[in-house]
Amino acid sequence: MLNLADPGKSTGKIIDISAAEYQAIQQFLSQNCGIELGDSKQYLVKSRLLPLLNKLEYSSFGELASGLQSASFSSQKLKSAVIDAMTTNETFWFRDERQFAELREKVLPSLLNAKNGNVRIWSAACSSGQEPYSIGICALEAIKATTKARSVQIIGTDISETILEEAKKAVYSEAALSRGVDHTTKARYFQKNYDGYLLAPEVSQLVRFQQFNLLKSFTALGRFDLIFCRNVLIYFSDQVKRDILSRMADSLEPGGYLFLSSTEAMPIGLNSFELVRSGLTNYFKKVA
C-alpha cells in the first residue's frame, strides 16, 4: 500500500521536485528497471523518495538525481535504494485463488506426470515471498498426491534485495497471513514463533531466491516448465513488455505454462503462446 503522507513534514521544510528533476528520475527508472512513470506521477516520486532524501540528508531532488547519474561505487547503493523505494511490493497469499486452484488441480499434476526430472518454476517479481511459497504449498500437495517420485524447484526473483531478505526469512505476521491463508493451511504449514509465524521448512526449502532485473538476459536462470509473472508487466512500456514475454517464451520448455494476472492480455502479434481458458480463469501455454 502507498503511504501518501508527506514524509518531509517532520523536517519543517517542504522539498518540491522540479520538472527537470522529475524527468531525470523518470529516465533513471526506465533505463534501470523498466518502470515507466507518466508525466503526472510527481506525487508518487515525492512520497516514495522523500524519506530517502531525509535519511541521506539531501537538500533537494536535484542532489539525488545527480547522485543517480554518477558512476562511482558509492552511487550503486543509492541506485539500489531508489529502486527499492519505487518498486511496489504489494502481495498476498494465493493471490487470485482461481489461478491457484488451476495450478493445484491441473497444471502441476500434468507437469509432474509428464516430467522425469525436476519441475522448474520461476516466480518473477516475487516481492516478500508469498507467491513462490504459495506455489510451493500447491506443489507439495501435488507431489504427495502422485505415486511417482517427483521434485519441484522454485526460483523467486525480484529487483529489490531488501525485500528478498525478508522473503528468505519465511516469517510472516498475523496480518500478512490473514491475506489469503485459511485456518487449515495456517495450522498445517506455519508455526508460531517470537517474530510471527514461520513457514514449514518442507515448503521453504523448495524455493531459492535471487536478485534479478527483468531487463537483463534470462540465460543464467536456466529453463522452466512454468513461469509466474503477474502484476509486474503493467509498469513497463509495450515494447519492454513484449521483449520480456518473448524471452520468457524462449526460457520455457515446449508445452510450458505462463501465468499472467487474470486481467493481463498477451500483446497482439506475440504468437509464442496460446490462451488456455479453464473455468473462471485463464493462463497461457507455450506453442510447441
Protein backbone atom coordinates (compact mmCIF):
# COMPACT_ATOMS: atom_id res chain seq x y z
CA MET A 1 0.00 0.00 0.00
CA LEU A 2 1.23 3.52 -0.75
CA ASN A 3 1.79 5.92 2.12
CA LEU A 4 0.98 9.31 0.63
CA ALA A 5 1.53 11.26 3.86
CA ASP A 6 4.28 13.83 3.45
CA PRO A 7 7.44 12.17 4.86
CA GLY A 8 9.23 15.53 4.76
CA LYS A 9 6.81 17.09 7.22
CA SER A 10 8.95 16.30 10.26
CA THR A 11 11.88 18.29 8.85
CA GLY A 12 9.91 21.53 9.00
CA LYS A 13 10.52 22.31 5.33
CA ILE A 14 8.86 21.42 2.05
CA ILE A 15 11.04 19.84 -0.63
CA ASP A 16 9.46 20.13 -4.05
CA ILE A 17 10.50 18.44 -7.28
CA SER A 18 11.13 20.39 -10.47
CA ALA A 19 10.23 19.21 -13.97
CA ALA A 20 13.91 18.60 -14.79
CA GLU A 21 14.48 16.61 -11.56
CA TYR A 22 11.39 14.51 -12.18
CA GLN A 23 12.48 13.83 -15.77
CA ALA A 24 15.91 12.69 -14.58
CA ILE A 25 14.36 10.22 -12.13
CA GLN A 26 11.88 9.06 -14.80
CA GLN A 27 14.78 8.33 -17.14
CA PHE A 28 16.77 6.50 -14.46
CA LEU A 29 13.85 4.19 -13.61
CA SER A 30 13.08 3.50 -17.27
CA GLN A 31 16.67 2.60 -18.13
CA ASN A 32 17.50 0.62 -14.98
CA CYS A 33 14.38 -1.34 -14.14
CA GLY A 34 11.86 -0.73 -16.92
CA ILE A 35 9.38 1.24 -14.80
CA GLU A 36 7.59 3.82 -16.92
CA LEU A 37 6.19 6.77 -15.00
CA GLY A 38 3.75 9.11 -16.70
CA ASP A 39 4.09 12.87 -16.70
CA SER A 40 1.77 13.29 -13.71
CA LYS A 41 3.38 10.98 -11.14
CA GLN A 42 5.40 13.61 -9.28
CA TYR A 43 3.34 12.95 -6.14
CA LEU A 44 4.34 9.27 -6.24
CA VAL A 45 8.04 10.04 -6.61
CA LYS A 46 7.87 12.54 -3.75
CA SER A 47 6.01 10.18 -1.40
CA ARG A 48 8.38 7.29 -2.11
CA LEU A 49 11.69 9.18 -2.16
CA LEU A 50 11.31 11.92 0.46
CA PRO A 51 12.19 9.50 3.30
CA LEU A 52 15.35 8.61 1.38
CA LEU A 53 16.26 12.28 0.94
CA ASN A 54 15.84 12.83 4.67
CA LYS A 55 17.88 9.76 5.54
CA LEU A 56 20.75 10.79 3.27
CA GLU A 57 20.40 14.46 4.30
CA TYR A 58 19.98 15.61 0.71
CA SER A 59 18.59 19.11 0.37
CA SER A 60 16.84 18.57 -2.97
CA PHE A 61 15.72 16.05 -5.55
CA GLY A 62 18.34 17.59 -7.83
CA GLU A 63 21.07 16.37 -5.48
CA LEU A 64 19.59 12.88 -5.59
CA ALA A 65 19.29 12.99 -9.41
CA SER A 66 22.97 13.96 -9.65
CA GLY A 67 23.89 11.00 -7.47
CA LEU A 68 21.95 8.67 -9.76
CA GLN A 69 23.95 9.91 -12.75
CA SER A 70 27.27 9.23 -11.04
CA ALA A 71 29.34 6.18 -11.99
CA SER A 72 31.06 5.94 -8.60
CA PHE A 73 30.96 2.81 -6.47
CA SER A 74 29.07 4.59 -3.70
CA SER A 75 26.32 5.59 -6.14
CA GLN A 76 25.40 1.92 -6.61
CA LYS A 77 23.91 1.83 -3.11
CA LEU A 78 21.92 4.96 -3.89
CA LYS A 79 20.61 3.46 -7.12
CA SER A 80 19.56 0.28 -5.31
CA ALA A 81 17.86 2.32 -2.58
CA VAL A 82 15.89 4.35 -5.14
CA ILE A 83 14.77 1.21 -6.97
CA ASP A 84 13.78 -0.38 -3.65
CA ALA A 85 11.72 2.68 -2.72
CA MET A 86 10.00 2.93 -6.10
CA THR A 87 9.21 -0.75 -6.55
CA THR A 88 5.72 -1.74 -5.44
CA ASN A 89 5.84 -4.68 -3.02
CA GLU A 90 2.12 -5.28 -2.64
CA THR A 91 1.42 -9.01 -2.44
CA PHE A 92 -0.54 -11.63 -0.54
CA TRP A 93 -1.01 -15.39 -0.26
CA PHE A 94 -2.70 -17.36 -3.07
CA ARG A 95 -3.45 -14.13 -4.91
CA ASP A 96 -6.26 -14.93 -7.39
CA GLU A 97 -7.39 -18.21 -5.84
CA ARG A 98 -8.89 -19.36 -9.17
CA GLN A 99 -5.45 -19.44 -10.75
CA PHE A 100 -4.01 -21.33 -7.79
CA ALA A 101 -6.88 -23.83 -7.95
CA GLU A 102 -5.99 -24.42 -11.61
CA LEU A 103 -2.32 -24.76 -10.68
CA ARG A 104 -3.06 -27.23 -7.90
CA GLU A 105 -5.64 -29.36 -9.69
CA LYS A 106 -4.48 -29.38 -13.33
CA VAL A 107 -1.20 -27.73 -14.24
CA LEU A 108 1.09 -29.19 -11.57
CA PRO A 109 -0.30 -32.75 -11.80
CA SER A 110 0.14 -32.58 -15.59
CA LEU A 111 3.75 -31.42 -15.30
CA LEU A 112 4.62 -33.91 -12.55
CA ASN A 113 3.24 -36.81 -14.58
CA ALA A 114 4.95 -35.72 -17.79
CA LYS A 115 8.41 -34.93 -16.41
CA ASN A 116 11.07 -37.46 -15.48
CA GLY A 117 13.26 -34.92 -13.71
CA ASN A 118 12.64 -31.80 -11.65
CA VAL A 119 9.77 -29.48 -12.46
CA ARG A 120 11.31 -25.97 -12.51
CA ILE A 121 9.16 -22.95 -11.72
CA TRP A 122 10.02 -19.24 -11.81
CA SER A 123 8.16 -16.64 -9.77
CA ALA A 124 9.22 -13.32 -11.32
CA ALA A 125 8.89 -10.15 -9.21
CA CYS A 126 8.19 -12.30 -6.17
CA SER A 127 8.33 -9.46 -3.61
CA SER A 128 8.30 -10.73 0.01
CA GLY A 129 7.79 -14.37 -0.97
CA GLN A 130 4.08 -15.03 -0.71
CA GLU A 131 3.72 -16.04 -4.36
CA PRO A 132 6.59 -18.58 -4.61
CA TYR A 133 5.71 -20.00 -1.19
CA SER A 134 2.05 -20.32 -2.24
CA ILE A 135 3.27 -22.18 -5.33
CA GLY A 136 5.43 -24.32 -3.04
CA ILE A 137 2.45 -25.33 -0.89
CA CYS A 138 0.48 -26.30 -4.02
CA ALA A 139 3.49 -28.22 -5.34
CA LEU A 140 3.98 -30.10 -2.09
CA GLU A 141 0.34 -31.19 -2.06
CA ALA A 142 0.51 -32.19 -5.74
CA ILE A 143 3.68 -34.25 -5.11
CA LYS A 144 2.02 -36.04 -2.18
CA ALA A 145 -0.93 -36.91 -4.43
CA THR A 146 1.19 -38.59 -7.10
CA THR A 147 2.54 -42.14 -6.89
CA LYS A 148 5.74 -41.23 -8.75
CA ALA A 149 8.89 -39.85 -7.14
CA ARG A 150 8.96 -36.24 -8.29
CA SER A 151 10.52 -32.99 -7.13
CA VAL A 152 9.94 -29.29 -7.72
CA GLN A 153 12.41 -26.41 -7.77
CA ILE A 154 11.09 -22.86 -7.46
CA ILE A 155 13.13 -19.72 -8.10
CA GLY A 156 11.79 -16.44 -6.76
CA THR A 157 13.35 -13.29 -8.20
CA ASP A 158 12.91 -9.61 -7.52
CA ILE A 159 14.86 -6.47 -8.31
CA SER A 160 14.81 -5.40 -4.64
CA GLU A 161 17.50 -7.01 -2.49
CA THR A 162 15.83 -5.61 0.63
CA ILE A 163 12.51 -7.34 0.01
CA LEU A 164 14.26 -10.61 -0.87
CA GLU A 165 15.98 -10.63 2.53
CA GLU A 166 12.50 -10.53 4.07
CA ALA A 167 11.33 -13.34 1.79
CA LYS A 168 14.25 -15.59 2.78
CA LYS A 169 13.26 -15.43 6.44
CA ALA A 170 9.91 -17.09 5.65
CA VAL A 171 8.40 -15.44 8.73
CA TYR A 172 5.09 -13.57 8.45
CA SER A 173 2.88 -11.57 10.77
CA GLU A 174 -0.68 -12.44 11.72
CA ALA A 175 -1.86 -9.61 9.46
CA ALA A 176 0.15 -10.94 6.49
CA LEU A 177 -1.28 -14.44 6.94
CA SER A 178 -4.80 -13.06 7.13
CA ARG A 179 -4.45 -12.07 3.48
CA GLY A 180 -5.12 -15.39 1.77
CA VAL A 181 -4.22 -18.14 4.29
CA ASP A 182 -7.15 -20.12 5.71
CA HIS A 183 -7.12 -21.78 9.14
CA THR A 184 -6.33 -25.24 7.77
CA THR A 185 -3.33 -24.06 5.76
CA LYS A 186 -2.11 -21.96 8.67
CA ALA A 187 -2.24 -24.90 11.08
CA ARG A 188 -0.57 -27.25 8.62
CA TYR A 189 2.25 -25.11 7.27
CA PHE A 190 3.04 -22.40 9.85
CA GLN A 191 4.44 -22.47 13.36
CA LYS A 192 4.16 -19.56 15.81
CA ASN A 193 7.46 -18.10 16.98
CA TYR A 194 8.62 -14.89 18.64
CA ASP A 195 8.74 -12.99 15.31
CA GLY A 196 5.42 -14.16 13.92
CA TYR A 197 4.68 -17.35 12.00
CA LEU A 198 7.46 -19.44 10.47
CA LEU A 199 6.70 -21.29 7.25
CA ALA A 200 7.34 -25.04 7.41
CA PRO A 201 10.82 -25.97 6.10
CA GLU A 202 9.28 -28.60 3.81
CA VAL A 203 7.83 -25.67 1.84
CA SER A 204 10.55 -23.04 2.19
CA GLN A 205 13.29 -25.46 1.10
CA LEU A 206 11.59 -25.77 -2.29
CA VAL A 207 12.26 -22.07 -3.00
CA ARG A 208 15.53 -20.32 -3.83
CA PHE A 209 15.60 -16.52 -4.01
CA GLN A 210 17.79 -14.44 -6.30
CA GLN A 211 18.09 -10.73 -7.03
CA PHE A 212 17.30 -10.23 -10.70
CA ASN A 213 16.40 -7.47 -13.14
CA LEU A 214 13.88 -8.46 -15.82
CA LEU A 215 15.66 -6.19 -18.29
CA LYS A 216 18.70 -8.49 -18.18
CA SER A 217 19.26 -11.75 -20.07
CA PHE A 218 17.39 -14.77 -18.68
CA THR A 219 20.03 -17.27 -19.84
CA ALA A 220 21.71 -17.70 -16.45
CA LEU A 221 18.39 -18.66 -14.83
CA GLY A 222 18.07 -21.79 -16.98
CA ARG A 223 14.90 -23.23 -18.43
CA PHE A 224 11.50 -23.60 -16.81
CA ASP A 225 8.31 -25.61 -17.05
CA LEU A 226 6.18 -22.86 -15.53
CA ILE A 227 6.58 -19.10 -15.10
CA PHE A 228 4.52 -16.78 -12.92
CA CYS A 229 4.85 -13.14 -13.99
CA ARG A 230 1.82 -11.43 -12.51
CA ASN A 231 1.07 -7.77 -11.81
CA VAL A 232 4.51 -6.51 -12.87
CA LEU A 233 4.37 -6.02 -16.65
CA ILE A 234 1.75 -3.31 -16.17
CA TYR A 235 4.57 -0.97 -15.10
CA PHE A 236 6.52 -1.45 -18.35
CA SER A 237 6.16 0.07 -21.79
CA ASP A 238 4.54 -2.06 -24.50
CA GLN A 239 7.92 -2.57 -26.16
CA VAL A 240 9.61 -3.75 -22.96
CA LYS A 241 6.62 -5.94 -22.09
CA ARG A 242 6.79 -7.63 -25.49
CA ASP A 243 10.55 -8.16 -25.13
CA ILE A 244 10.19 -9.73 -21.67
CA LEU A 245 7.42 -12.08 -22.77
CA SER A 246 9.36 -13.13 -25.88
CA ARG A 247 12.36 -14.01 -23.76
CA MET A 248 10.17 -15.84 -21.26
CA ALA A 249 8.84 -17.93 -24.13
CA ASP A 250 12.43 -18.81 -25.03
CA SER A 251 13.05 -19.80 -21.39
CA LEU A 252 10.09 -22.18 -21.26
CA GLU A 253 10.30 -25.83 -22.14
CA PRO A 254 7.99 -26.94 -25.01
CA GLY A 255 4.46 -27.09 -23.67
CA GLY A 256 5.41 -24.99 -20.64
CA TYR A 257 2.97 -22.63 -18.94
CA LEU A 258 2.90 -18.89 -18.26
CA PHE A 259 0.63 -17.28 -15.67
CA LEU A 260 -0.04 -13.56 -16.02
CA SER A 261 -2.60 -11.89 -13.78
CA SER A 262 -6.18 -12.62 -14.77
CA THR A 263 -6.60 -9.05 -16.06
CA GLU A 264 -3.50 -9.05 -18.30
CA ALA A 265 -3.61 -9.91 -22.00
CA MET A 266 -0.91 -11.14 -24.33
CA PRO A 267 0.33 -8.38 -26.69
CA ILE A 268 -1.12 -8.59 -30.18
CA GLY A 269 1.19 -10.34 -32.61
CA LEU A 270 3.12 -12.31 -29.98
CA ASN A 271 2.42 -15.84 -31.19
CA SER A 272 4.59 -17.87 -28.81
CA PHE A 273 1.64 -18.68 -26.52
CA GLU A 274 -1.86 -20.00 -26.81
CA LEU A 275 -4.58 -18.93 -24.40
CA VAL A 276 -5.94 -21.60 -22.06
CA ARG A 277 -9.42 -20.88 -20.71
CA SER A 278 -10.49 -23.00 -17.76
CA GLY A 279 -13.47 -22.30 -15.57
CA LEU A 280 -13.37 -18.66 -14.49
CA THR A 281 -9.67 -18.12 -15.09
CA ASN A 282 -7.13 -18.25 -17.89
CA TYR A 283 -3.40 -18.62 -18.47
CA PHE A 284 -1.05 -19.39 -21.36
CA LYS A 285 0.71 -22.43 -22.79
CA LYS A 286 3.82 -22.22 -24.94
CA VAL A 287 3.20 -23.21 -28.54
CA ALA A 288 5.41 -26.25 -29.17
